[in-house]
Amino acid sequence: MNNLSQLMQLGRQMQAKISELQEALDSKQISASAGGGMVTVTVDGRGRIRRVQIDPTCVDPDDVEMLEDLVLSAVLEAQKKAEGAYEEEMRKVTGGLPLNVPGLPNLF
């Protein structure tokens, strides 16, 4: 019975660390650019878009499609970086334990 108590306590500690991590990720800023810096997107540590910057020289009314592609590319890259940072921080918190085991509900 003592092992179960220790396991529950460890679970609560891990949950507290994950909550702290999630708060830290909300304030983290990760940026990615496309088109040689013509479009820059900044996301938070969870991958939510926080800012889009577009160099005015790349705004061509005859080629809006290029600008759309650059924005999409920068968004995807910024979100990919944020996902990698999140996964790395989660590995630190969980000690490498897999939290998304097939057949079990996602705990965090």
Protein backbone atom coordinates (compact mmCIF):
# COMPACT_ATOMS: atom_id res chain seq x y z
CA MET A 1 0.00 0.00 0.00
CA ASN A 2 2.94 2.31 0.69
CA ASN A 3 4.07 1.96 -2.96
CA LEU A 4 0.69 3.15 -4.18
CA SER A 5 0.89 6.19 -1.92
CA GLN A 6 4.36 6.99 -3.23
CA LEU A 7 3.17 6.58 -6.80
CA MET A 8 0.26 8.95 -6.19
CA GLN A 9 2.58 11.51 -4.63
CA LEU A 10 4.96 11.22 -7.58
CA GLY A 11 2.02 11.72 -9.93
CA ARG A 12 0.96 14.89 -8.09
CA GLN A 13 4.52 16.23 -8.23
CA MET A 14 4.73 15.53 -11.94
CA GLN A 15 1.37 17.23 -12.52
CA ALA A 16 2.59 20.31 -10.63
CA LYS A 17 5.75 20.44 -12.74
CA ILE A 18 3.71 20.09 -15.92
CA SER A 19 1.44 22.95 -14.83
CA GLU A 20 4.52 25.12 -14.23
CA LEU A 21 5.87 24.12 -17.63
CA GLN A 22 2.61 25.05 -19.35
CA GLU A 23 2.67 28.49 -17.72
CA ALA A 24 6.28 28.99 -18.83
CA LEU A 25 5.38 27.95 -22.38
CA ASP A 26 2.62 30.57 -22.49
CA SER A 27 5.23 33.30 -22.03
CA LYS A 28 7.88 31.80 -24.33
CA GLN A 29 8.26 33.32 -27.79
CA ILE A 30 9.48 31.35 -30.80
CA SER A 31 9.87 32.95 -34.22
CA ALA A 32 10.35 31.63 -37.74
CA SER A 33 10.80 33.44 -41.03
CA ALA A 34 10.11 32.70 -44.67
CA GLY A 35 11.21 34.34 -47.88
CA GLY A 36 14.54 35.46 -46.48
CA GLY A 37 12.87 37.28 -43.59
CA MET A 38 10.09 38.86 -45.63
CA VAL A 39 7.52 37.20 -43.35
CA THR A 40 8.15 36.45 -39.68
CA VAL A 41 5.71 34.66 -37.41
CA THR A 42 6.03 34.51 -33.63
CA VAL A 43 4.23 31.85 -31.61
CA ASP A 44 4.11 31.04 -27.93
CA GLY A 45 5.56 27.84 -26.53
CA ARG A 46 2.32 26.02 -27.28
CA GLY A 47 2.38 27.03 -30.94
CA ARG A 48 -0.37 29.66 -30.79
CA ILE A 49 0.27 32.54 -33.18
CA ARG A 50 1.07 35.76 -31.33
CA ARG A 51 2.47 38.00 -34.07
CA VAL A 52 2.84 38.19 -37.84
CA GLN A 53 5.29 40.63 -39.40
CA ILE A 54 5.32 41.29 -43.15
CA ASP A 55 8.01 43.35 -44.87
CA PRO A 56 6.09 45.98 -46.89
CA THR A 57 8.39 45.43 -49.88
CA CYS A 58 6.96 41.95 -50.42
CA VAL A 59 3.36 43.14 -50.75
CA ASP A 60 2.59 42.86 -54.45
CA PRO A 61 -1.10 43.19 -55.35
CA ASP A 62 -0.44 41.11 -58.47
CA ASP A 63 1.07 38.22 -56.48
CA VAL A 64 -0.97 37.81 -53.29
CA GLU A 65 -0.55 34.04 -53.58
CA MET A 66 3.20 34.32 -52.93
CA LEU A 67 2.56 36.31 -49.75
CA GLU A 68 -0.01 33.76 -48.60
CA ASP A 69 2.51 30.96 -49.18
CA LEU A 70 5.20 32.82 -47.21
CA VAL A 71 2.84 33.42 -44.28
CA LEU A 72 1.76 29.78 -44.25
CA SER A 73 5.37 28.59 -44.43
CA ALA A 74 6.45 30.82 -41.54
CA VAL A 75 3.46 29.75 -39.41
CA LEU A 76 4.14 26.07 -39.96
CA GLU A 77 7.85 26.43 -39.16
CA ALA A 78 7.18 28.44 -35.99
CA GLN A 79 4.62 25.88 -34.81
CA LYS A 80 7.04 23.04 -35.57
CA LYS A 81 9.73 24.74 -33.47
CA ALA A 82 7.26 25.29 -30.63
CA GLU A 83 6.20 21.64 -30.74
CA GLY A 84 9.84 20.53 -30.54
CA ALA A 85 10.49 22.84 -27.59
CA TYR A 86 7.36 21.54 -25.83
CA GLU A 87 8.34 17.91 -26.35
CA GLU A 88 11.86 18.56 -25.08
CA GLU A 89 10.58 20.26 -21.93
CA MET A 90 8.05 17.47 -21.33
CA ARG A 91 10.85 14.87 -21.56
CA LYS A 92 12.70 16.78 -18.85
CA VAL A 93 9.65 16.87 -16.59
CA THR A 94 8.61 13.26 -17.11
CA GLY A 95 12.09 11.78 -17.14
CA GLY A 96 11.41 10.35 -20.58
CA LEU A 97 8.31 8.41 -19.54
CA PRO A 98 5.88 7.99 -22.44
CA LEU A 99 2.65 9.81 -21.59
CA ASN A 100 0.70 8.84 -24.70
CA VAL A 101 0.64 5.06 -24.45
CA PRO A 102 -1.71 3.44 -27.00
CA GLY A 103 -4.84 2.13 -25.32
CA LEU A 104 -4.51 4.45 -22.31
CA PRO A 105 -6.04 7.91 -22.02
CA ASN A 106 -3.68 10.84 -22.50
CA LEU A 107 -2.93 11.94 -18.95
CA PHE A 108 -1.51 15.39 -19.69
